[in-house]
Protein backbone atom coordinates (compact mmCIF):
# COMPACT_ATOMS: atom_id res chain seq x y z
CA UNK A 1 103.49 95.16 92.28
CA UNK A 2 101.03 95.32 95.14
CA UNK A 3 101.72 93.48 98.53
CA UNK A 4 99.27 92.33 101.01
CA UNK A 5 100.71 92.00 104.36
CA UNK A 6 99.99 92.30 108.03
CA UNK A 7 99.82 96.05 107.54
CA UNK A 8 96.63 95.79 106.19
CA UNK A 9 95.33 95.01 109.94
CA UNK A 10 96.53 98.20 111.08
CA UNK A 11 94.98 100.04 108.21
CA UNK A 12 91.69 98.69 108.81
CA UNK A 13 91.36 98.65 112.54
CA UNK A 14 92.00 94.85 113.11
CA UNK A 15 95.78 94.66 114.64
CA UNK A 16 94.31 92.95 117.60
CA UNK A 17 93.41 89.66 115.75
CA UNK A 18 95.00 86.40 116.86
CA UNK A 19 97.65 85.44 114.30
CA UNK A 20 95.43 82.52 113.00
CA UNK A 21 92.58 84.98 112.24
CA UNK A 22 95.15 87.29 110.42
CA UNK A 23 96.31 84.20 108.26
CA UNK A 24 92.80 83.31 107.57
CA UNK A 25 91.83 86.72 106.63
CA UNK A 26 95.19 87.29 104.31
CA UNK A 27 94.20 84.21 102.50
CA UNK A 28 90.69 85.46 102.08
CA UNK A 29 91.82 88.83 100.60
CA UNK A 30 94.30 87.31 98.34
CA UNK A 31 91.65 85.23 96.99
CA UNK A 32 89.14 87.61 96.73
CA UNK A 33 91.26 90.03 95.21
CA UNK A 34 92.69 87.36 92.53
CA UNK A 35 89.15 86.62 91.69
CA UNK A 36 87.71 90.17 91.39
CA UNK A 37 90.72 91.24 89.26
CA UNK A 38 90.60 88.03 87.26
CA UNK A 39 86.92 88.76 86.34
CA UNK A 40 87.70 92.35 85.47
CA UNK A 41 90.70 91.29 83.31
CA UNK A 42 88.54 88.53 81.57
CA UNK A 43 86.17 91.10 80.08
CA UNK A 44 89.12 93.36 79.08
CA UNK A 45 91.36 91.00 77.26
CA UNK A 46 91.03 89.89 73.66
CA UNK A 47 91.31 86.23 72.63
CA UNK A 48 95.01 86.38 71.89
CA UNK A 49 95.65 87.93 75.36
CA UNK A 50 93.23 85.50 77.02
CA UNK A 51 95.32 82.62 75.38
CA UNK A 52 98.78 84.08 76.51
CA UNK A 53 97.43 84.36 80.00
CA UNK A 54 95.85 80.92 80.27
CA UNK A 55 99.16 79.59 78.86
CA UNK A 56 100.93 81.24 81.81
CA UNK A 57 98.58 80.36 84.36
CA UNK A 58 98.05 76.71 83.23
CA UNK A 59 101.91 76.42 83.04
CA UNK A 60 102.15 77.35 86.82
CA UNK A 61 103.77 80.50 86.07
CA UNK A 62 103.12 83.90 87.54
CA UNK A 63 101.52 86.34 85.27
CA UNK A 64 101.79 89.45 87.20
CA UNK A 65 104.80 90.86 84.93
CA UNK A 66 102.98 89.77 81.71
CA UNK A 67 99.65 91.53 83.11
CA UNK A 68 101.67 94.77 83.91
CA UNK A 69 103.27 94.63 80.56
CA UNK A 70 99.94 93.84 78.31
CA UNK A 71 97.23 95.19 80.43
CA UNK A 72 96.75 99.08 80.63
CA UNK A 73 95.70 99.86 84.04
CA UNK A 74 96.27 96.68 85.60
CA UNK A 75 97.82 98.12 88.71
CA UNK A 76 94.84 100.59 88.73
CA UNK A 77 92.30 97.74 88.97
CA UNK A 78 94.32 96.12 91.72
CA UNK A 79 94.18 99.21 93.94
CA UNK A 80 90.58 99.76 93.10
CA UNK A 81 89.74 96.39 94.02
CA UNK A 82 92.10 96.24 97.23
CA UNK A 83 90.38 99.50 98.32
CA UNK A 84 87.05 98.04 98.15
CA UNK A 85 88.14 94.95 100.22
CA UNK A 86 90.07 97.19 102.76
CA UNK A 87 86.75 99.63 103.05
CA UNK A 88 84.69 96.25 103.80
CA UNK A 89 87.05 95.32 106.58
CA UNK A 90 87.29 98.98 108.11
CA UNK A 91 83.33 99.23 107.90
CA UNK A 92 82.84 95.68 109.93
CA UNK A 93 86.02 95.83 111.94
CA UNK A 94 84.16 95.92 115.49
CA UNK A 95 82.04 93.04 114.27
CA UNK A 96 84.96 91.12 113.28
CA UNK A 97 86.72 91.88 116.57
CA UNK A 98 83.60 90.84 118.65
CA UNK A 99 83.32 87.64 116.54
CA UNK A 100 86.95 86.71 117.38
CA UNK A 101 86.61 87.13 120.92
């Protein structure tokens, strides 16, 4: 399972950000990753899988284990999307740091 934490900021050149800004960015990264992976999964799951997934999410359960067991390449999808997000932040690091001043 992929964990997103403060090491992200070292990887993309944003370790100088304030704690508040890091928190805001981590929330954004998690939400963006969740959305992007969800959109990809919605296209790849069959009807029965979608129902099972929706029942887990609707019941307030974390569907990660189910996804790992039932979706081929689930971790790969996460890693690809996370790499895209990291590349964006790395490319825009200086602009982000300037805006945080």
